[in-house]
Amino acid sequence: METLIEHHSSEEKKVMMFLSDLGTDLMIECEDNGPGIPANCSDRPYL
């Protein structure tokens, strides 16, 4: 079961903004590891 993360680090916001600038609706699957720990993000976007 997939879970969506409601909070984002500044780096994740930059990534999502970059994807928005490309005009895509791609979502990157990320695993939240807690505050201060980089999320594990899949390089395979899903729609």
Protein backbone atom coordinates (compact mmCIF):
# COMPACT_ATOMS: atom_id res chain seq x y z
CA MET A 1 0.00 0.00 0.00
CA GLU A 2 1.40 3.36 -1.03
CA THR A 3 1.51 6.28 1.36
CA LEU A 4 1.84 9.90 0.34
CA ILE A 5 4.06 12.14 2.43
CA GLU A 6 2.39 15.42 3.38
CA HIS A 7 5.52 17.23 4.54
CA HIS A 8 8.48 17.94 2.29
CA SER A 9 12.02 19.09 2.83
CA SER A 10 13.26 22.10 0.87
CA GLU A 11 15.11 19.77 -1.50
CA GLU A 12 11.94 17.79 -2.22
CA LYS A 13 10.05 21.05 -2.85
CA LYS A 14 12.72 22.07 -5.35
CA VAL A 15 12.32 18.73 -7.12
CA MET A 16 8.54 19.01 -7.26
CA MET A 17 8.80 22.62 -8.48
CA PHE A 18 11.24 21.51 -11.16
CA LEU A 19 8.84 18.80 -12.33
CA SER A 20 6.01 21.36 -12.38
CA ASP A 21 8.16 23.69 -14.49
CA LEU A 22 8.54 20.88 -17.00
CA GLY A 23 4.77 20.82 -17.31
CA THR A 24 4.50 17.25 -16.07
CA ASP A 25 2.19 15.74 -13.52
CA LEU A 26 4.71 13.12 -12.50
CA MET A 27 4.91 12.06 -8.89
CA ILE A 28 8.08 10.52 -7.55
CA GLU A 29 7.62 7.71 -5.06
CA CYS A 30 9.49 8.51 -1.85
CA GLU A 31 9.98 6.71 1.43
CA ASP A 32 10.08 9.05 4.42
CA ASN A 33 12.90 8.21 6.81
CA GLY A 34 12.08 10.89 9.38
CA PRO A 35 13.31 14.45 9.91
CA GLY A 36 16.90 15.17 8.90
CA ILE A 37 17.23 11.93 6.95
CA PRO A 38 17.05 12.07 3.15
CA ALA A 39 14.04 10.28 1.68
CA ASN A 40 14.54 7.22 -0.49
CA CYS A 41 13.06 8.23 -3.83
CA SER A 42 12.45 5.88 -6.71
CA ASP A 43 13.83 7.04 -10.05
CA ARG A 44 10.76 5.56 -11.71
CA PRO A 45 7.89 8.06 -11.61
CA TYR A 46 4.34 6.76 -11.54
CA LEU A 47 1.16 8.42 -12.71
